[in-house]
Amino acid sequence: MKAQSEMLGTEKISKLLFKLSAPATVGMVVSGLYNIVDTIFVGRALGDASVQGIAAIAVSFPVLMISMAISLAIGLGGASIISRRLGARDLEGAERTFGNIIGMSVALGTLVAILGIVFITPILELFGATPTILPFAKEYLQILLYGSPVFMFSLVANNVARSEGNARVAMLTMVISGVLNIILDPIFIFGLGMGIKGAAIATVISYFSAAIFLVKYFVSGHSTLVFRSRDLKPDLPIIKEVCALGLAPFARNSSMSIVVVFVNNILAIYGGDLPIAVYGIFNRLLVFASMPLIGLLQGMQPIIGFNYGAGNYGRVLETLKLSLWISTAIAVFDFVLLYVMAEILFSAFTTDELLIESGVDATRIMVLAVPLLGIQFISAGMYQALGKALPSFILSMARQTIFLLPLLFLLPLMYDLEGVWLAFPVADALAFVLTSWMLVREYRIIKAESA
């Protein structure tokens, strides 16, 4: 077995966490950046229709999140199994898992594309598209759906590379894809005058670049894992375990889609296109600000999974403690950035003064509990890396579904549009209390096992 997976059990934790998290963070930041750039270019290209264009991306976002939710369920569920089997020196089992999740990603990606294209109009209407937003949203989303199989394959394969400790490949995949998208955006949107359709075409081309890079990596012999066509044959126990472990990331990301749909429809009632555009920009900003947290999480998980599988519980605890400190520092920085720089950030997307003013007011309410997000990210990821599907699922659902959805229904009844924005920090605070209790309990269990 190659050194890239062996180092997970031997190298100094602080050095190892940096080695795995830094490339993941760079990759995630670049990936998040091209989502920001897409929206900025669309807002600038459409001029007087910038509100509708930005809102169109916002109502399309849940569909993309569903594709991402399925991909991360397969990729992170499979990565957890692969990390633990590599830790237990079961290379054959790891490779069989690899083949199964690759097959699942392509099959389900094709299904998403077919269903999405056939039912695109009712889906977008359900997701909050008003009559003025719908034409822009259909033009944008239809092209992205054609790339769904490639997009989902890339996300799954990227998580496999990371699970064996090869964070550099995972980073390069996202950097190549992200940089290419940023280069192609102005060419298609402005140079060829394609507007919002050009943004979608640039994104799909970037999906293909990521897929080609990953295929080359896995067939080149540089991976610990070897891809064999016979491993594509469905293995029911593996599929069941992938689905069980993938339930938490699926719940977390699909619940984000549900929340966006719910918010878009509420905003259509309380304010129409403008607050939908505000929420669309805020969502992009928050996702981008969260990328370092996700990068840290992706660096942490293979270390915890490998060492838990190998019985090195002391290394598991050390990784967890360091990750909690770093994640909290990142979350506090995100809060300061979004609160203080709200006006500058919104001004990058549009020249519409009312959109900017409304966006600043809403953002400064929604980010009030952002400093608490770091612990929530790390705790849910810890349970997943340990192979404990149920608590990971509960924590993944807590913020987005268990607390936020009821608050989104109740608070606007009392505070009108401001109640929508208030629901976010209140839900974050409640989820933090639950997460802290579960984290302390699990930490004590692992510490007892270590002793």
Protein backbone atom coordinates (compact mmCIF):
# COMPACT_ATOMS: atom_id res chain seq x y z
CA MET A 1 0.00 0.00 0.00
CA LYS A 2 1.34 3.39 -0.93
CA ALA A 3 2.67 5.97 1.49
CA GLN A 4 -0.09 8.46 0.71
CA SER A 5 -2.57 6.41 2.76
CA GLU A 6 -0.03 5.16 5.33
CA MET A 7 0.84 8.73 6.35
CA LEU A 8 -2.69 9.11 7.76
CA GLY A 9 -1.68 6.88 10.66
CA THR A 10 1.88 8.09 11.29
CA GLU A 11 2.46 11.75 10.45
CA LYS A 12 2.14 14.54 13.04
CA ILE A 13 -1.53 15.58 13.26
CA SER A 14 -1.07 19.34 12.86
CA LYS A 15 1.19 18.88 9.83
CA LEU A 16 -1.09 16.21 8.36
CA LEU A 17 -4.26 18.25 8.86
CA PHE A 18 -2.64 21.22 7.14
CA LYS A 19 -1.32 19.02 4.32
CA LEU A 20 -4.79 17.64 3.61
CA SER A 21 -6.92 20.69 4.44
CA ALA A 22 -4.92 23.40 2.67
CA PRO A 23 -5.25 21.88 -0.81
CA ALA A 24 -8.90 21.05 -0.13
CA THR A 25 -9.52 24.64 1.01
CA VAL A 26 -7.80 26.13 -2.03
CA GLY A 27 -9.86 23.88 -4.28
CA MET A 28 -13.11 24.72 -2.51
CA VAL A 29 -12.39 28.47 -2.55
CA VAL A 30 -11.70 28.43 -6.29
CA SER A 31 -14.80 26.29 -6.84
CA GLY A 32 -16.89 28.72 -4.79
CA LEU A 33 -15.32 31.68 -6.55
CA TYR A 34 -16.59 30.66 -9.96
CA ASN A 35 -20.14 30.45 -8.57
CA ILE A 36 -19.70 34.02 -7.34
CA VAL A 37 -18.23 35.13 -10.68
CA ASP A 38 -21.12 33.52 -12.59
CA THR A 39 -23.63 35.58 -10.63
CA ILE A 40 -21.60 38.81 -10.87
CA PHE A 41 -21.22 38.51 -14.65
CA VAL A 42 -24.90 37.68 -15.11
CA GLY A 43 -25.93 40.65 -12.94
CA ARG A 44 -23.69 42.99 -14.90
CA ALA A 45 -24.59 41.57 -18.33
CA LEU A 46 -28.35 41.85 -17.93
CA GLY A 47 -28.43 45.52 -16.89
CA ASP A 48 -32.00 46.51 -16.05
CA ALA A 49 -32.95 42.81 -15.85
CA SER A 50 -30.18 42.04 -13.33
CA VAL A 51 -32.67 41.39 -10.53
CA GLN A 52 -34.48 38.77 -12.63
CA GLY A 53 -31.19 37.21 -13.82
CA ILE A 54 -29.78 36.88 -10.31
CA ALA A 55 -33.14 35.59 -9.07
CA ALA A 56 -33.13 33.01 -11.91
CA ILE A 57 -29.83 31.61 -10.64
CA ALA A 58 -31.29 31.59 -7.11
CA VAL A 59 -34.35 29.51 -8.08
CA SER A 60 -32.15 27.14 -10.13
CA PHE A 61 -29.82 26.63 -7.18
CA PRO A 62 -31.98 23.97 -5.40
CA VAL A 63 -31.81 21.71 -8.47
CA LEU A 64 -28.02 21.94 -8.47
CA MET A 65 -27.99 21.31 -4.73
CA ILE A 66 -30.01 18.12 -5.22
CA SER A 67 -27.41 16.87 -7.73
CA MET A 68 -24.68 17.84 -5.28
CA ALA A 69 -26.53 16.19 -2.39
CA ILE A 70 -26.72 12.88 -4.25
CA SER A 71 -23.07 13.12 -5.30
CA LEU A 72 -21.82 13.93 -1.80
CA ALA A 73 -23.98 11.17 -0.32
CA ILE A 74 -22.28 8.66 -2.63
CA GLY A 75 -18.83 10.26 -2.49
CA LEU A 76 -18.57 10.93 1.24
CA GLY A 77 -20.33 7.69 2.19
CA GLY A 78 -17.97 5.75 -0.08
CA ALA A 79 -14.95 7.75 1.09
CA SER A 80 -15.70 6.86 4.72
CA ILE A 81 -15.73 3.16 3.82
CA ILE A 82 -12.57 3.44 1.71
CA SER A 83 -10.64 5.31 4.44
CA ARG A 84 -11.55 2.75 7.10
CA ARG A 85 -10.78 -0.21 4.83
CA LEU A 86 -7.43 1.26 3.90
CA GLY A 87 -6.78 1.74 7.63
CA ALA A 88 -7.67 -1.92 8.19
CA ARG A 89 -5.44 -2.90 5.20
CA ASP A 90 -8.39 -4.22 3.17
CA LEU A 91 -7.33 -2.90 -0.26
CA GLU A 92 -9.62 -5.23 -2.19
CA GLY A 93 -12.65 -4.04 -0.22
CA ALA A 94 -11.65 -0.41 -0.80
CA GLU A 95 -11.36 -0.95 -4.55
CA ARG A 96 -14.69 -2.77 -4.72
CA THR A 97 -16.29 0.20 -2.97
CA PHE A 98 -14.61 2.56 -5.43
CA GLY A 99 -16.06 0.77 -8.45
CA ASN A 100 -19.55 0.67 -6.98
CA ILE A 101 -19.75 4.37 -6.17
CA ILE A 102 -18.43 5.38 -9.60
CA GLY A 103 -21.20 3.33 -11.23
CA MET A 104 -23.80 4.83 -8.90
CA SER A 105 -22.73 8.41 -9.69
CA VAL A 106 -23.03 8.05 -13.47
CA ALA A 107 -26.36 6.19 -13.33
CA LEU A 108 -27.99 8.64 -10.92
CA GLY A 109 -26.52 11.65 -12.75
CA THR A 110 -28.18 10.48 -15.95
CA LEU A 111 -31.49 10.04 -14.13
CA VAL A 112 -31.32 13.56 -12.68
CA ALA A 113 -30.63 15.02 -16.13
CA ILE A 114 -33.58 13.22 -17.77
CA LEU A 115 -36.10 14.05 -15.05
CA GLY A 116 -34.89 17.63 -14.72
CA ILE A 117 -35.14 18.40 -18.45
CA VAL A 118 -38.56 16.73 -18.86
CA PHE A 119 -40.11 18.54 -15.87
CA ILE A 120 -38.09 21.77 -15.92
CA THR A 121 -41.02 24.23 -15.98
CA PRO A 122 -43.05 22.77 -13.08
CA ILE A 123 -39.84 22.26 -11.08
CA LEU A 124 -38.82 25.91 -11.43
CA GLU A 125 -42.33 27.14 -10.64
CA LEU A 126 -42.34 24.94 -7.55
CA PHE A 127 -38.93 26.33 -6.57
CA GLY A 128 -40.19 29.92 -6.55
CA ALA A 129 -39.80 31.19 -10.12
CA THR A 130 -42.22 34.03 -10.82
CA PRO A 131 -43.44 34.64 -14.41
CA THR A 132 -40.73 37.30 -14.88
CA ILE A 133 -37.97 35.01 -13.56
CA LEU A 134 -39.01 31.76 -15.31
CA PRO A 135 -37.64 32.45 -18.86
CA PHE A 136 -34.17 33.28 -17.51
CA ALA A 137 -34.20 30.28 -15.15
CA LYS A 138 -35.18 27.79 -17.90
CA GLU A 139 -32.46 29.07 -20.21
CA TYR A 140 -29.83 28.68 -17.46
CA LEU A 141 -30.88 25.41 -15.84
CA GLN A 142 -31.55 23.33 -18.93
CA ILE A 143 -27.94 23.56 -20.07
CA LEU A 144 -26.60 22.73 -16.61
CA LEU A 145 -28.79 19.60 -16.46
CA TYR A 146 -27.10 18.19 -19.57
CA GLY A 147 -23.85 18.18 -17.57
CA SER A 148 -25.29 16.44 -14.50
CA PRO A 149 -23.75 12.96 -15.09
CA VAL A 150 -20.27 14.44 -15.54
CA PHE A 151 -20.72 16.83 -12.59
CA MET A 152 -21.79 14.02 -10.26
CA PHE A 153 -19.01 11.68 -11.41
CA SER A 154 -16.43 14.41 -10.73
CA LEU A 155 -17.67 15.07 -7.19
CA VAL A 156 -17.65 11.37 -6.28
CA ALA A 157 -14.22 10.66 -7.81
CA ASN A 158 -12.82 13.75 -6.10
CA ASN A 159 -13.90 12.46 -2.70
CA VAL A 160 -12.30 9.09 -3.46
CA ALA A 161 -8.96 10.77 -4.19
CA ARG A 162 -9.23 12.63 -0.90
CA SER A 163 -10.17 9.48 1.05
CA GLU A 164 -6.83 7.88 0.19
CA GLY A 165 -4.97 10.98 1.40
CA ASN A 166 -4.30 12.54 -2.01
CA ALA A 167 -5.55 16.04 -1.30
CA ARG A 168 -3.38 17.56 -4.04
CA VAL A 169 -5.31 15.79 -6.78
CA ALA A 170 -8.63 16.84 -5.21
CA MET A 171 -7.39 20.44 -5.11
CA LEU A 172 -6.12 20.48 -8.69
CA THR A 173 -9.42 19.07 -9.94
CA MET A 174 -11.37 21.98 -8.47
CA VAL A 175 -8.75 24.60 -9.37
CA ILE A 176 -8.59 23.52 -13.03
CA SER A 177 -12.38 23.43 -13.28
CA GLY A 178 -12.85 26.74 -11.43
CA VAL A 179 -10.18 28.71 -13.28
CA LEU A 180 -11.43 27.47 -16.65
CA ASN A 181 -14.97 28.55 -15.76
CA ILE A 182 -13.81 32.01 -14.70
CA ILE A 183 -11.90 32.40 -18.00
CA LEU A 184 -14.79 31.17 -20.14
CA ASP A 185 -17.52 33.20 -18.38
CA PRO A 186 -16.72 36.61 -19.90
CA ILE A 187 -16.06 35.00 -23.30
CA PHE A 188 -19.48 33.38 -23.51
CA ILE A 189 -21.48 35.99 -21.56
CA PHE A 190 -20.02 39.19 -23.06
CA GLY A 191 -17.79 38.20 -26.00
CA LEU A 192 -20.38 35.97 -27.66
CA GLY A 193 -23.32 37.91 -26.21
CA MET A 194 -24.97 34.79 -24.79
CA GLY A 195 -25.93 36.27 -21.40
CA ILE A 196 -27.16 33.83 -18.78
CA LYS A 197 -26.97 30.92 -21.26
CA GLY A 198 -23.23 31.62 -21.68
CA ALA A 199 -22.70 31.27 -17.92
CA ALA A 200 -24.29 27.82 -18.02
CA ILE A 201 -22.24 26.67 -21.03
CA ALA A 202 -18.99 27.78 -19.36
CA THR A 203 -19.94 25.82 -16.23
CA VAL A 204 -20.68 22.59 -18.15
CA ILE A 205 -17.36 22.81 -20.00
CA SER A 206 -15.62 23.14 -16.62
CA TYR A 207 -17.39 19.96 -15.43
CA PHE A 208 -15.86 18.04 -18.33
CA SER A 209 -12.37 19.38 -17.58
CA ALA A 210 -12.62 18.09 -13.99
CA ALA A 211 -13.85 14.68 -15.13
CA ILE A 212 -11.04 14.27 -17.67
CA PHE A 213 -8.40 15.18 -15.07
CA LEU A 214 -9.78 12.64 -12.57
CA VAL A 215 -10.03 9.82 -15.11
CA LYS A 216 -6.41 10.43 -16.07
CA TYR A 217 -5.37 10.25 -12.40
CA PHE A 218 -7.10 6.96 -11.68
CA VAL A 219 -5.84 5.18 -14.81
CA SER A 220 -2.28 6.49 -14.51
CA GLY A 221 -1.25 4.24 -11.61
CA HIS A 222 -0.64 7.13 -9.18
CA SER A 223 -3.65 6.18 -7.04
CA THR A 224 -3.59 3.70 -4.17
CA LEU A 225 -6.78 2.30 -5.69
CA VAL A 226 -7.02 0.51 -9.02
CA PHE A 227 -10.18 0.87 -11.06
CA ARG A 228 -11.47 -2.46 -12.40
CA SER A 229 -14.57 -2.79 -14.56
CA ARG A 230 -15.72 -5.84 -12.60
CA ASP A 231 -16.06 -3.63 -9.49
CA LEU A 232 -18.85 -1.73 -11.24
CA LYS A 233 -21.09 -4.73 -10.58
CA PRO A 234 -23.49 -3.66 -7.78
CA ASP A 235 -22.53 -5.07 -4.38
CA LEU A 236 -25.61 -4.80 -2.17
CA PRO A 237 -23.83 -4.64 1.24
CA ILE A 238 -21.56 -1.86 -0.05
CA ILE A 239 -24.47 0.06 -1.55
CA LYS A 240 -26.42 -0.23 1.72
CA GLU A 241 -23.47 1.06 3.76
CA VAL A 242 -22.80 3.90 1.30
CA CYS A 243 -26.46 4.93 1.50
CA ALA A 244 -26.49 4.74 5.32
CA LEU A 245 -23.34 6.84 5.68
CA GLY A 246 -24.32 9.13 2.82
CA LEU A 247 -27.68 9.85 4.41
CA ALA A 248 -26.22 12.66 6.55
CA PRO A 249 -24.56 14.65 3.74
CA PHE A 250 -27.58 13.98 1.54
CA ALA A 251 -29.87 15.29 4.27
CA ARG A 252 -27.65 18.33 4.85
CA ASN A 253 -27.44 19.32 1.19
CA SER A 254 -30.95 18.33 0.14
CA SER A 255 -32.34 20.16 3.16
CA MET A 256 -30.49 23.22 1.87
CA SER A 257 -32.46 22.79 -1.34
CA ILE A 258 -35.71 22.50 0.61
CA VAL A 259 -34.85 25.62 2.59
CA VAL A 260 -34.01 27.60 -0.56
CA VAL A 261 -37.29 26.51 -2.17
CA PHE A 262 -39.21 27.38 0.98
CA VAL A 263 -37.47 30.75 1.33
CA ASN A 264 -37.94 31.63 -2.34
CA ASN A 265 -41.67 30.96 -2.15
CA ILE A 266 -42.06 32.93 1.08
CA LEU A 267 -40.06 35.82 -0.35
CA ALA A 268 -42.26 35.81 -3.47
CA ILE A 269 -45.23 36.34 -1.14
CA TYR A 270 -43.64 39.00 1.09
CA GLY A 271 -41.62 40.96 -1.49
CA GLY A 272 -41.41 39.41 -4.97
CA ASP A 273 -38.33 39.35 -7.22
CA LEU A 274 -36.17 41.75 -5.17
CA PRO A 275 -35.83 39.75 -1.92
CA ILE A 276 -35.39 36.54 -3.98
CA ALA A 277 -32.40 38.21 -5.65
CA VAL A 278 -31.14 39.38 -2.22
CA TYR A 279 -31.29 35.84 -0.86
CA GLY A 280 -29.66 34.49 -4.03
CA ILE A 281 -26.65 36.78 -3.58
CA PHE A 282 -26.45 36.13 0.17
CA ASN A 283 -26.54 32.38 -0.40
CA ARG A 284 -23.65 32.63 -2.84
CA LEU A 285 -21.65 34.73 -0.35
CA LEU A 286 -22.32 32.42 2.60
CA VAL A 287 -21.47 29.29 0.61
CA PHE A 288 -18.23 30.94 -0.53
CA ALA A 289 -17.35 32.03 3.02
CA SER A 290 -18.00 28.46 4.21
CA MET A 291 -15.56 26.91 1.73
CA PRO A 292 -12.57 26.97 4.14
CA LEU A 293 -14.76 25.14 6.69
CA ILE A 294 -15.60 22.49 4.11
CA GLY A 295 -11.93 22.27 3.14
CA LEU A 296 -10.97 21.73 6.77
CA LEU A 297 -13.69 19.12 7.11
CA GLN A 298 -12.49 17.27 4.02
CA GLY A 299 -8.93 17.26 5.36
CA MET A 300 -10.08 16.04 8.79
CA GLN A 301 -12.32 13.17 7.71
CA PRO A 302 -9.76 10.78 6.16
CA ILE A 303 -7.49 11.24 9.20
CA ILE A 304 -10.27 10.39 11.64
CA GLY A 305 -11.65 7.58 9.47
CA PHE A 306 -8.26 5.94 8.92
CA ASN A 307 -7.15 6.15 12.57
CA TYR A 308 -10.52 5.05 13.92
CA GLY A 309 -10.38 2.03 11.61
CA ALA A 310 -6.81 1.33 12.82
CA GLY A 311 -7.75 1.74 16.52
CA ASN A 312 -5.58 4.85 17.02
CA TYR A 313 -8.14 6.71 19.16
CA GLY A 314 -5.65 9.20 20.58
CA ARG A 315 -4.97 10.51 17.07
CA VAL A 316 -8.72 10.73 16.47
CA LEU A 317 -9.15 12.99 19.53
CA GLU A 318 -6.16 15.14 18.68
CA THR A 319 -7.47 15.69 15.15
CA LEU A 320 -10.93 16.54 16.46
CA LYS A 321 -9.70 19.12 19.00
CA LEU A 322 -7.45 20.91 16.51
CA SER A 323 -10.23 20.97 13.91
CA LEU A 324 -12.68 22.50 16.37
CA TRP A 325 -10.32 25.37 17.21
CA ILE A 326 -9.53 26.13 13.58
CA SER A 327 -13.18 25.90 12.46
CA THR A 328 -14.29 28.35 15.15
CA ALA A 329 -11.63 30.85 14.09
CA ILE A 330 -12.77 30.55 10.45
CA ALA A 331 -16.44 31.02 11.39
CA VAL A 332 -15.67 34.17 13.41
CA PHE A 333 -13.70 35.58 10.47
CA ASP A 334 -16.63 34.82 8.13
CA PHE A 335 -19.00 36.72 10.41
CA VAL A 336 -16.77 39.81 10.50
CA LEU A 337 -16.25 39.72 6.73
CA LEU A 338 -19.94 39.40 5.82
CA TYR A 339 -21.16 41.88 8.42
CA VAL A 340 -18.61 44.63 7.80
CA MET A 341 -18.20 44.22 4.03
CA ALA A 342 -21.87 43.60 3.14
CA GLU A 343 -22.32 46.78 1.10
CA ILE A 344 -19.10 46.33 -0.88
CA LEU A 345 -19.93 42.68 -1.57
CA PHE A 346 -23.44 43.39 -2.83
CA SER A 347 -22.21 46.27 -4.97
CA ALA A 348 -20.01 43.81 -6.89
CA PHE A 349 -23.12 42.01 -8.16
CA THR A 350 -25.32 44.89 -9.21
CA THR A 351 -25.70 48.65 -9.54
CA ASP A 352 -29.33 48.52 -8.40
CA GLU A 353 -29.31 50.73 -5.27
CA LEU A 354 -32.48 49.20 -3.80
CA LEU A 355 -31.08 45.68 -4.21
CA ILE A 356 -27.84 46.72 -2.50
CA GLU A 357 -29.60 48.46 0.40
CA SER A 358 -32.00 45.57 0.98
CA GLY A 359 -29.15 43.08 0.74
CA VAL A 360 -27.03 44.83 3.36
CA ASP A 361 -29.89 45.00 5.87
CA ALA A 362 -30.81 41.34 5.36
CA THR A 363 -27.22 40.09 5.51
CA ARG A 364 -26.46 41.81 8.80
CA ILE A 365 -29.38 39.96 10.38
CA MET A 366 -28.75 36.53 8.84
CA VAL A 367 -25.07 36.34 9.82
CA LEU A 368 -25.52 37.04 13.54
CA ALA A 369 -24.94 33.38 14.55
CA VAL A 370 -22.37 32.51 11.87
CA PRO A 371 -19.57 32.24 14.53
CA LEU A 372 -21.35 29.09 15.78
CA LEU A 373 -21.21 27.26 12.44
CA GLY A 374 -17.69 25.85 12.75
CA ILE A 375 -18.52 23.42 15.55
CA GLN A 376 -21.63 22.26 13.66
CA PHE A 377 -19.65 21.46 10.49
CA ILE A 378 -16.92 19.56 12.33
CA SER A 379 -19.24 17.57 14.59
CA ALA A 380 -21.45 16.27 11.77
CA GLY A 381 -18.32 15.42 9.75
CA MET A 382 -16.76 13.63 12.71
CA TYR A 383 -19.71 11.26 13.08
CA GLN A 384 -19.63 10.51 9.37
CA ALA A 385 -15.91 9.72 9.44
CA LEU A 386 -16.50 7.39 12.40
CA GLY A 387 -19.15 5.53 10.41
CA LYS A 388 -21.94 6.57 12.81
CA ALA A 389 -24.71 7.41 10.39
CA LEU A 390 -27.62 8.28 12.72
CA PRO A 391 -26.01 11.06 14.82
CA SER A 392 -24.41 12.50 11.68
CA PHE A 393 -27.85 12.54 10.06
CA ILE A 394 -29.43 14.25 13.09
CA LEU A 395 -26.81 17.01 13.18
CA SER A 396 -27.00 17.50 9.42
CA MET A 397 -30.76 17.96 9.65
CA ALA A 398 -30.80 20.12 12.80
CA ARG A 399 -29.89 23.54 11.42
CA GLN A 400 -31.53 23.37 8.00
CA THR A 401 -34.68 21.39 8.71
CA ILE A 402 -35.50 20.66 12.34
CA PHE A 403 -35.12 24.27 13.48
CA LEU A 404 -35.05 26.51 10.39
CA LEU A 405 -38.15 25.38 8.51
CA PRO A 406 -40.59 25.88 11.42
CA LEU A 407 -39.02 29.27 12.15
CA LEU A 408 -39.38 30.29 8.50
CA PHE A 409 -43.08 29.57 8.80
CA LEU A 410 -43.66 31.24 12.19
CA LEU A 411 -41.44 34.35 12.32
CA PRO A 412 -42.70 36.02 9.08
CA LEU A 413 -46.22 35.85 10.53
CA MET A 414 -45.02 38.10 13.36
CA TYR A 415 -42.28 40.20 11.71
CA ASP A 416 -43.17 40.13 8.00
CA LEU A 417 -40.10 40.07 5.66
CA GLU A 418 -37.68 40.69 8.53
CA GLY A 419 -38.95 37.47 10.13
CA VAL A 420 -37.53 35.49 7.19
CA TRP A 421 -34.08 36.94 7.82
CA LEU A 422 -34.35 36.45 11.62
CA ALA A 423 -35.10 32.74 11.24
CA PHE A 424 -31.52 32.01 10.18
CA PRO A 425 -29.57 33.16 13.28
CA VAL A 426 -32.20 31.73 15.65
CA ALA A 427 -31.97 28.31 13.94
CA ASP A 428 -28.15 28.44 14.05
CA ALA A 429 -28.19 29.14 17.80
CA LEU A 430 -30.59 26.27 18.54
CA ALA A 431 -28.59 23.85 16.39
CA PHE A 432 -25.41 24.89 18.21
CA VAL A 433 -26.89 23.88 21.57
CA LEU A 434 -27.84 20.42 20.27
CA THR A 435 -24.48 19.95 18.54
CA SER A 436 -22.49 20.89 21.63
CA TRP A 437 -24.34 18.36 23.78
CA MET A 438 -23.79 15.53 21.27
CA LEU A 439 -20.15 16.46 20.70
CA VAL A 440 -19.26 16.39 24.41
CA ARG A 441 -20.97 13.01 24.75
CA GLU A 442 -19.10 11.48 21.79
CA TYR A 443 -15.77 12.96 22.89
CA ARG A 444 -16.11 11.20 26.25
CA ILE A 445 -16.91 7.88 24.55
CA ILE A 446 -13.83 8.06 22.31
CA LYS A 447 -11.67 9.14 25.24
CA ALA A 448 -12.83 6.10 27.21
CA GLU A 449 -11.99 3.85 24.25
CA SER A 450 -8.57 5.49 24.00
CA ALA A 451 -7.87 4.86 27.70
